[in-house]
């Protein structure tokens, strides 16, 4: 029974992206470890762990929420990605 953990900075993925990531990783585990057997799907655990930006470093810098939003777009109250404003 595989357990897959994905660690990321909170605010990088919106709800739809998380769902797609969970689905695709599960599909990959079924293909590779389950040798394509669809019954293997029920044995695949996938977890997304989100840490606060202050707990991470990117190039030696602690990413701020503004840096993350500037690169990926901010999240609204529902957890959906808000389109970045192009300068």
C-alpha atoms as a PDB file:
ATOM      1  CA  UNK A   1       0.000   0.000   0.000  1.00  0.00           C
ATOM      2  CA  UNK A   2       1.784   3.178  -1.137  1.00  0.00           C
ATOM      3  CA  UNK A   3       1.752   6.417   0.824  1.00  0.00           C
ATOM      4  CA  UNK A   4       2.757   9.476  -1.198  1.00  0.00           C
ATOM      5  CA  UNK A   5       3.355  12.814   0.524  1.00  0.00           C
ATOM      6  CA  UNK A   6       3.708  16.053  -1.403  1.00  0.00           C
ATOM      7  CA  UNK A   7       5.147  18.957   0.578  1.00  0.00           C
ATOM      8  CA  UNK A   8       4.571  22.494  -0.618  1.00  0.00           C
ATOM      9  CA  UNK A   9       4.201  26.071   0.546  1.00  0.00           C
ATOM     10  CA  UNK A  10       0.663  27.003   1.605  1.00  0.00           C
ATOM     11  CA  UNK A  11      -1.056  29.041  -1.086  1.00  0.00           C
ATOM     12  CA  UNK A  12       0.731  27.585  -4.118  1.00  0.00           C
ATOM     13  CA  UNK A  13      -2.102  25.332  -5.314  1.00  0.00           C
ATOM     14  CA  UNK A  14      -5.776  26.196  -5.529  1.00  0.00           C
ATOM     15  CA  UNK A  15      -8.491  23.612  -4.847  1.00  0.00           C
ATOM     16  CA  UNK A  16      -8.789  22.483  -8.480  1.00  0.00           C
ATOM     17  CA  UNK A  17      -5.013  22.111  -8.796  1.00  0.00           C
ATOM     18  CA  UNK A  18      -4.864  20.015  -5.625  1.00  0.00           C
ATOM     19  CA  UNK A  19      -7.604  17.741  -6.926  1.00  0.00           C
ATOM     20  CA  UNK A  20      -5.813  17.333 -10.254  1.00  0.00           C
ATOM     21  CA  UNK A  21      -2.508  16.607  -8.503  1.00  0.00           C
ATOM     22  CA  UNK A  22      -4.081  14.013  -6.194  1.00  0.00           C
ATOM     23  CA  UNK A  23      -5.798  12.335  -9.147  1.00  0.00           C
ATOM     24  CA  UNK A  24      -2.719  12.242 -11.382  1.00  0.00           C
ATOM     25  CA  UNK A  25      -0.393  10.963  -8.661  1.00  0.00           C
ATOM     26  CA  UNK A  26      -2.929   8.250  -7.853  1.00  0.00           C
ATOM     27  CA  UNK A  27      -3.161   7.359 -11.550  1.00  0.00           C
ATOM     28  CA  UNK A  28       0.626   7.122 -11.758  1.00  0.00           C
ATOM     29  CA  UNK A  29       0.853   4.862  -8.717  1.00  0.00           C
ATOM     30  CA  UNK A  30      -1.830   2.578 -10.198  1.00  0.00           C
ATOM     31  CA  UNK A  31       0.098   2.457 -13.470  1.00  0.00           C
ATOM     32  CA  UNK A  32       3.545   1.858 -11.960  1.00  0.00           C
ATOM     33  CA  UNK A  33       3.136   0.021  -8.663  1.00  0.00           C
ATOM     34  CA  UNK A  34      -0.280  -1.485  -9.366  1.00  0.00           C
ATOM     35  CA  UNK A  35       0.812  -2.526 -12.866  1.00  0.00           C
ATOM     36  CA  UNK A  36      -2.343  -0.967 -14.315  1.00  0.00           C
ATOM     37  CA  UNK A  37      -4.765  -2.927 -12.136  1.00  0.00           C
ATOM     38  CA  UNK A  38      -7.681  -0.532 -11.425  1.00  0.00           C
ATOM     39  CA  UNK A  39      -8.442  -2.345  -8.141  1.00  0.00           C
ATOM     40  CA  UNK A  40      -5.082  -1.096  -6.826  1.00  0.00           C
ATOM     41  CA  UNK A  41      -6.500   2.475  -6.718  1.00  0.00           C
ATOM     42  CA  UNK A  42      -8.246   1.848  -3.401  1.00  0.00           C
ATOM     43  CA  UNK A  43      -4.843   1.153  -1.802  1.00  0.00           C
ATOM     44  CA  UNK A  44      -3.175   4.421  -2.845  1.00  0.00           C
ATOM     45  CA  UNK A  45      -2.850   7.166  -0.226  1.00  0.00           C
ATOM     46  CA  UNK A  46      -1.776  10.630  -1.404  1.00  0.00           C
ATOM     47  CA  UNK A  47      -1.387  13.558   0.972  1.00  0.00           C
ATOM     48  CA  UNK A  48      -0.564  17.205   0.305  1.00  0.00           C
ATOM     49  CA  UNK A  49       1.177  18.854   3.251  1.00  0.00           C
ATOM     50  CA  UNK A  50       1.180  22.629   3.158  1.00  0.00           C
ATOM     51  CA  UNK A  51       3.619  24.571   5.292  1.00  0.00           C
ATOM     52  CA  UNK A  52       3.680  28.226   6.101  1.00  0.00           C
ATOM     53  CA  UNK A  53       5.971  30.235   3.796  1.00  0.00           C
ATOM     54  CA  UNK A  54       8.178  31.219   6.764  1.00  0.00           C
ATOM     55  CA  UNK A  55       9.096  27.530   7.147  1.00  0.00           C
ATOM     56  CA  UNK A  56      10.589  27.355   3.645  1.00  0.00           C
ATOM     57  CA  UNK A  57      13.581  28.770   1.833  1.00  0.00           C
ATOM     58  CA  UNK A  58      13.937  29.433  -1.869  1.00  0.00           C
ATOM     59  CA  UNK A  59      17.436  30.386  -2.917  1.00  0.00           C
ATOM     60  CA  UNK A  60      18.226  31.225   0.695  1.00  0.00           C
ATOM     61  CA  UNK A  61      15.273  33.595   1.008  1.00  0.00           C
ATOM     62  CA  UNK A  62      12.075  33.022   2.956  1.00  0.00           C
ATOM     63  CA  UNK A  63       9.240  33.472   0.466  1.00  0.00           C
ATOM     64  CA  UNK A  64       6.611  35.948   1.604  1.00  0.00           C
ATOM     65  CA  UNK A  65       2.928  35.563   0.715  1.00  0.00           C
ATOM     66  CA  UNK A  66       3.373  38.551  -1.619  1.00  0.00           C
ATOM     67  CA  UNK A  67       6.275  36.825  -3.412  1.00  0.00           C
ATOM     68  CA  UNK A  68       4.196  33.680  -3.820  1.00  0.00           C
ATOM     69  CA  UNK A  69       1.156  35.621  -5.014  1.00  0.00           C
ATOM     70  CA  UNK A  70       3.363  37.560  -7.424  1.00  0.00           C
ATOM     71  CA  UNK A  71       4.635  34.339  -8.969  1.00  0.00           C
ATOM     72  CA  UNK A  72       1.515  32.195  -8.829  1.00  0.00           C
ATOM     73  CA  UNK A  73      -1.436  34.520  -8.161  1.00  0.00           C
ATOM     74  CA  UNK A  74      -3.217  35.026  -4.860  1.00  0.00           C
ATOM     75  CA  UNK A  75      -5.991  32.839  -3.463  1.00  0.00           C
ATOM     76  CA  UNK A  76      -9.429  34.189  -2.669  1.00  0.00           C
ATOM     77  CA  UNK A  77     -11.446  33.272   0.449  1.00  0.00           C
ATOM     78  CA  UNK A  78     -12.727  30.096  -1.271  1.00  0.00           C
ATOM     79  CA  UNK A  79      -9.179  28.951  -2.049  1.00  0.00           C
ATOM     80  CA  UNK A  80      -9.448  29.689  -5.756  1.00  0.00           C
ATOM     81  CA  UNK A  81      -6.534  31.240  -7.643  1.00  0.00           C
ATOM     82  CA  UNK A  82      -7.070  34.901  -8.522  1.00  0.00           C
ATOM     83  CA  UNK A  83      -5.589  35.840 -11.871  1.00  0.00           C
ATOM     84  CA  UNK A  84      -2.421  37.906 -11.627  1.00  0.00           C
ATOM     85  CA  UNK A  85      -2.636  41.465 -12.827  1.00  0.00           C
ATOM     86  CA  UNK A  86      -0.190  41.955 -15.678  1.00  0.00           C
ATOM     87  CA  UNK A  87       1.853  45.122 -15.451  1.00  0.00           C
END
